[in-house]
């Protein structure tokens, strides 16, 4: 059941990333969170996200805009380090409350509360046409990189903010795609380094064979590759409003369940 759910979400999420406005991490992390603690789900998602970003880099990385990588990508790395470090600290905090809901023993933890709130917020941001149409001045690029990198390191939600800034940079579609994939890979490498080096939850659970089944992560990577390849062939300049709204509603429910300590 875990392989079926995670791989299906990875396949669909990678394809929908190109046409629905949602990022891979936004959709995949809640699927991992069904089976693992939030902080562990973020680490697993980061591995899949990095693998998929590198796959896209091989296809479109040559179109990246070097000036944007310097102006936006370098601050994004700094932001990712800050966000990942904060996650490491929050993940070690004790539960706020515990209660029984029928057969379910729910625990409300600070990390689940924070990540669940971010899932809900970014689900609606990424489905909002008004947010997508937001304009920002070019001089704000470094701040945009810092902000998107921070949320990337904290919860994996980096795509929405990155797109808002880069789409206003004057690049053509190919440059936008190549630059976005390059910066996403940079942020993933930075946050994974922090998770592995200093985060207690990562070294204790994720890096051990008993933490996350690596075969599941590998299967999700392959499914994401397939989804990206299929999405690239089927992509059209059509926004799937109904898909975005449905996905936003489902993510909001998952975020609410995480906040309540049910998952």
Protein backbone atom coordinates (compact mmCIF):
# COMPACT_ATOMS: atom_id res chain seq x y z
CA UNK A 1 0.00 0.00 0.00
CA UNK A 2 2.82 2.42 0.84
CA UNK A 3 4.59 1.78 -2.48
CA UNK A 4 1.36 2.16 -4.43
CA UNK A 5 0.40 5.45 -2.76
CA UNK A 6 3.84 7.10 -2.75
CA UNK A 7 4.77 6.06 -6.30
CA UNK A 8 1.38 7.06 -7.68
CA UNK A 9 1.64 10.47 -6.03
CA UNK A 10 5.24 10.88 -7.27
CA UNK A 11 4.22 10.00 -10.84
CA UNK A 12 1.21 12.31 -10.89
CA UNK A 13 2.91 15.10 -8.94
CA UNK A 14 5.92 15.26 -11.27
CA UNK A 15 3.59 15.49 -14.27
CA UNK A 16 1.20 17.95 -12.62
CA UNK A 17 4.12 20.19 -11.65
CA UNK A 18 4.35 21.21 -15.30
CA UNK A 19 0.66 21.96 -15.83
CA UNK A 20 -1.11 22.55 -12.53
CA UNK A 21 1.12 25.10 -10.79
CA UNK A 22 1.92 22.81 -7.84
CA UNK A 23 5.44 21.78 -6.94
CA UNK A 24 6.54 18.15 -6.59
CA UNK A 25 7.37 18.62 -2.90
CA UNK A 26 3.98 20.18 -2.16
CA UNK A 27 2.20 17.04 -3.34
CA UNK A 28 4.69 14.30 -2.44
CA UNK A 29 5.59 15.28 1.13
CA UNK A 30 2.05 14.69 2.49
CA UNK A 31 2.10 11.21 0.91
CA UNK A 32 5.29 10.34 2.80
CA UNK A 33 3.80 11.95 5.92
CA UNK A 34 1.03 9.34 5.94
CA UNK A 35 3.67 6.71 6.79
CA UNK A 36 6.43 8.68 8.54
CA UNK A 37 6.81 11.61 10.98
CA UNK A 38 6.70 15.02 9.27
CA UNK A 39 10.41 15.71 9.61
CA UNK A 40 11.25 12.30 8.15
CA UNK A 41 8.77 12.82 5.32
CA UNK A 42 10.51 16.10 4.46
CA UNK A 43 13.88 14.34 4.27
CA UNK A 44 12.52 11.58 2.04
CA UNK A 45 10.82 14.12 -0.20
CA UNK A 46 14.06 16.12 -0.46
CA UNK A 47 15.88 13.08 -1.84
CA UNK A 48 13.21 12.47 -4.49
CA UNK A 49 12.98 16.19 -5.29
CA UNK A 50 16.76 16.45 -5.76
CA UNK A 51 16.86 13.37 -7.99
CA UNK A 52 14.05 14.77 -10.13
CA UNK A 53 15.72 18.21 -10.28
CA UNK A 54 18.97 16.60 -11.48
CA UNK A 55 17.00 14.64 -14.07
CA UNK A 56 15.45 17.87 -15.33
CA UNK A 57 18.85 19.57 -15.25
CA UNK A 58 20.18 16.97 -17.67
CA UNK A 59 17.33 17.88 -20.02
CA UNK A 60 17.03 21.64 -19.69
CA UNK A 61 19.85 22.86 -17.43
CA UNK A 62 21.80 24.34 -20.36
CA UNK A 63 19.12 27.04 -20.67
CA UNK A 64 19.64 28.38 -17.13
CA UNK A 65 20.31 32.09 -16.72
CA UNK A 66 23.63 32.48 -14.87
CA UNK A 67 22.86 36.00 -13.66
CA UNK A 68 19.63 34.81 -12.03
CA UNK A 69 21.42 31.88 -10.44
CA UNK A 70 23.80 34.32 -8.77
CA UNK A 71 21.13 36.86 -7.79
CA UNK A 72 18.47 34.38 -6.66
CA UNK A 73 20.15 31.01 -6.24
CA UNK A 74 22.97 31.95 -3.88
CA UNK A 75 20.62 33.67 -1.36
CA UNK A 76 18.34 30.63 -1.72
CA UNK A 77 21.16 28.40 -0.51
CA UNK A 78 21.62 30.60 2.57
CA UNK A 79 17.86 30.51 3.20
CA UNK A 80 17.77 26.73 2.84
CA UNK A 81 20.50 26.34 5.45
CA UNK A 82 18.56 28.56 7.88
CA UNK A 83 15.27 26.73 7.26
CA UNK A 84 16.81 23.27 7.58
CA UNK A 85 18.55 24.26 10.81
CA UNK A 86 15.27 25.55 12.23
CA UNK A 87 13.54 22.29 11.28
CA UNK A 88 16.24 20.33 13.08
CA UNK A 89 15.54 22.30 16.24
CA UNK A 90 11.76 22.16 16.06
CA UNK A 91 11.80 18.41 15.37
CA UNK A 92 13.36 17.72 18.78
CA UNK A 93 10.71 19.60 20.78
CA UNK A 94 8.31 17.44 22.86
CA UNK A 95 4.63 16.97 22.05
CA UNK A 96 2.30 19.81 23.00
CA UNK A 97 -0.70 17.59 23.72
CA UNK A 98 -1.99 14.05 23.32
CA UNK A 99 -5.51 12.68 23.12
CA UNK A 100 -7.49 9.64 21.99
CA UNK A 101 -9.80 9.79 18.98
CA UNK A 102 -11.51 6.42 18.97
CA UNK A 103 -8.78 3.86 18.18
CA UNK A 104 -6.31 6.61 17.23
CA UNK A 105 -3.82 7.91 19.78
CA UNK A 106 -3.14 11.43 18.46
CA UNK A 107 -0.12 13.54 19.41
CA UNK A 108 0.15 17.23 18.57
CA UNK A 109 3.82 18.07 18.10
CA UNK A 110 5.41 21.45 17.28
CA UNK A 111 6.91 20.14 14.04
CA UNK A 112 3.61 18.63 12.85
CA UNK A 113 1.79 21.83 13.79
CA UNK A 114 4.27 23.97 11.84
CA UNK A 115 4.46 21.74 8.78
CA UNK A 116 0.71 21.14 8.67
CA UNK A 117 0.10 24.88 8.73
CA UNK A 118 2.61 25.40 5.90
CA UNK A 119 0.99 22.64 3.82
CA UNK A 120 -2.38 24.40 4.07
CA UNK A 121 -0.91 27.85 3.38
CA UNK A 122 1.14 26.82 0.36
CA UNK A 123 -1.61 24.61 -1.05
CA UNK A 124 -3.84 27.64 -1.38
CA UNK A 125 -1.02 29.95 -2.45
CA UNK A 126 -0.06 27.62 -5.28
CA UNK A 127 -3.68 27.33 -6.40
CA UNK A 128 -4.31 31.08 -6.26
CA UNK A 129 -4.38 32.95 -9.55
CA UNK A 130 -3.96 36.23 -7.68
CA UNK A 131 -0.78 34.95 -6.06
CA UNK A 132 0.54 33.71 -9.41
CA UNK A 133 -0.13 37.14 -10.90
CA UNK A 134 1.73 38.98 -8.13
CA UNK A 135 4.40 41.30 -9.47
CA UNK A 136 7.73 41.90 -7.75
CA UNK A 137 10.59 44.24 -8.69
CA UNK A 138 13.85 42.76 -9.93
CA UNK A 139 15.76 44.37 -7.06
CA UNK A 140 13.87 42.02 -4.72
CA UNK A 141 15.39 38.89 -6.33
CA UNK A 142 17.93 38.24 -3.53
CA UNK A 143 15.19 38.54 -0.89
CA UNK A 144 12.98 36.24 -2.92
CA UNK A 145 15.78 33.69 -3.08
CA UNK A 146 16.36 33.92 0.66
CA UNK A 147 12.64 33.50 1.40
CA UNK A 148 11.99 30.63 -1.00
CA UNK A 149 15.16 28.86 0.15
CA UNK A 150 14.14 29.25 3.80
CA UNK A 151 10.77 27.59 3.28
CA UNK A 152 12.45 24.99 1.08
CA UNK A 153 14.74 24.05 3.94
CA UNK A 154 12.00 24.20 6.56
CA UNK A 155 9.24 22.25 4.81
CA UNK A 156 10.22 21.68 1.18
CA UNK A 157 7.82 24.38 -0.11
CA UNK A 158 10.12 26.36 -2.37
CA UNK A 159 8.50 26.23 -5.82
CA UNK A 160 5.64 28.68 -5.33
CA UNK A 161 7.73 31.61 -4.11
CA UNK A 162 10.53 30.85 -6.57
CA UNK A 163 8.11 30.93 -9.50
CA UNK A 164 6.56 34.24 -8.42
CA UNK A 165 9.96 35.92 -8.57
CA UNK A 166 11.54 34.15 -11.55
CA UNK A 167 8.50 34.47 -13.79
CA UNK A 168 8.86 38.27 -13.54
CA UNK A 169 12.56 38.18 -14.48
CA UNK A 170 12.02 38.59 -18.20
CA UNK A 171 13.32 35.14 -19.15
CA UNK A 172 11.76 33.08 -21.91
CA UNK A 173 10.02 29.79 -21.01
CA UNK A 174 13.15 27.69 -21.62
CA UNK A 175 15.36 29.95 -19.51
CA UNK A 176 12.74 30.01 -16.77
CA UNK A 177 12.52 26.20 -16.68
CA UNK A 178 16.30 25.70 -16.75
CA UNK A 179 16.95 28.34 -14.09
CA UNK A 180 14.20 27.02 -11.83
CA UNK A 181 15.50 23.45 -12.06
CA UNK A 182 19.06 24.59 -11.32
CA UNK A 183 18.07 26.61 -8.25
CA UNK A 184 15.81 23.81 -6.98
CA UNK A 185 18.76 21.40 -7.11
CA UNK A 186 20.99 23.91 -5.29
CA UNK A 187 18.44 24.29 -2.49
CA UNK A 188 17.93 20.52 -2.21
CA UNK A 189 21.67 19.87 -1.91
CA UNK A 190 22.03 22.56 0.77
CA UNK A 191 19.12 21.35 2.90
CA UNK A 192 20.04 17.67 2.59
CA UNK A 193 23.56 18.50 3.77
CA UNK A 194 22.12 20.15 6.89
CA UNK A 195 19.65 17.30 7.49
CA UNK A 196 22.44 14.73 7.26
CA UNK A 197 25.11 16.65 9.18
CA UNK A 198 23.32 18.24 12.09
CA UNK A 199 19.69 17.20 12.39
CA UNK A 200 19.11 14.68 15.15
CA UNK A 201 15.99 13.30 13.50
CA UNK A 202 17.87 12.71 10.24
CA UNK A 203 20.97 11.01 11.63
CA UNK A 204 18.87 8.91 14.00
CA UNK A 205 16.08 7.77 11.69
CA UNK A 206 16.67 8.70 8.08
CA UNK A 207 20.33 7.79 7.72
CA UNK A 208 19.82 4.40 9.34
CA UNK A 209 18.59 1.38 7.47
CA UNK A 210 15.68 1.16 9.91
CA UNK A 211 14.53 4.72 9.32
CA UNK A 212 13.12 5.02 5.82
CA UNK A 213 13.05 2.06 3.41
CA UNK A 214 15.40 3.27 0.71
CA UNK A 215 13.68 1.06 -1.83
CA UNK A 216 10.54 3.18 -1.36
CA UNK A 217 12.51 6.39 -1.92
CA UNK A 218 14.17 4.89 -5.00
CA UNK A 219 10.80 3.76 -6.38
CA UNK A 220 9.42 7.27 -5.85
CA UNK A 221 12.40 8.71 -7.75
CA UNK A 222 11.74 6.45 -10.73
CA UNK A 223 8.04 7.31 -10.65
CA UNK A 224 8.90 11.04 -10.56
CA UNK A 225 11.21 10.63 -13.57
CA UNK A 226 8.41 8.96 -15.49
CA UNK A 227 5.96 11.68 -14.48
CA UNK A 228 8.33 14.44 -15.61
CA UNK A 229 8.93 12.75 -18.95
CA UNK A 230 5.19 12.21 -19.56
CA UNK A 231 4.33 15.74 -18.42
CA UNK A 232 6.95 17.24 -20.73
CA UNK A 233 5.32 15.53 -23.71
CA UNK A 234 1.77 16.40 -22.73
CA UNK A 235 2.35 19.94 -21.50
CA UNK A 236 0.05 22.58 -22.93
CA UNK A 237 -0.37 26.24 -22.11
CA UNK A 238 -3.60 25.53 -20.30
CA UNK A 239 -4.10 26.00 -16.56
CA UNK A 240 -6.02 23.15 -14.98
CA UNK A 241 -8.17 25.18 -12.58
CA UNK A 242 -10.29 22.27 -11.40
CA UNK A 243 -7.23 20.10 -10.73
CA UNK A 244 -5.51 22.85 -8.77
CA UNK A 245 -8.56 23.53 -6.62
CA UNK A 246 -9.22 19.86 -5.92
CA UNK A 247 -5.60 19.23 -4.98
CA UNK A 248 -5.58 22.33 -2.76
CA UNK A 249 -8.64 21.08 -0.88
CA UNK A 250 -7.12 17.61 -0.36
CA UNK A 251 -3.84 19.07 0.83
CA UNK A 252 -5.73 21.32 3.26
CA UNK A 253 -7.41 18.24 4.74
CA UNK A 254 -4.06 16.48 5.09
CA UNK A 255 -2.54 19.56 6.70
CA UNK A 256 -5.44 19.78 9.14
CA UNK A 257 -5.03 16.09 10.04
CA UNK A 258 -1.33 16.65 10.66
CA UNK A 259 -2.01 19.67 12.88
CA UNK A 260 -4.53 17.62 14.85
CA UNK A 261 -1.96 14.88 15.35
CA UNK A 262 -3.99 12.26 13.50
CA UNK A 263 -1.16 11.59 11.02
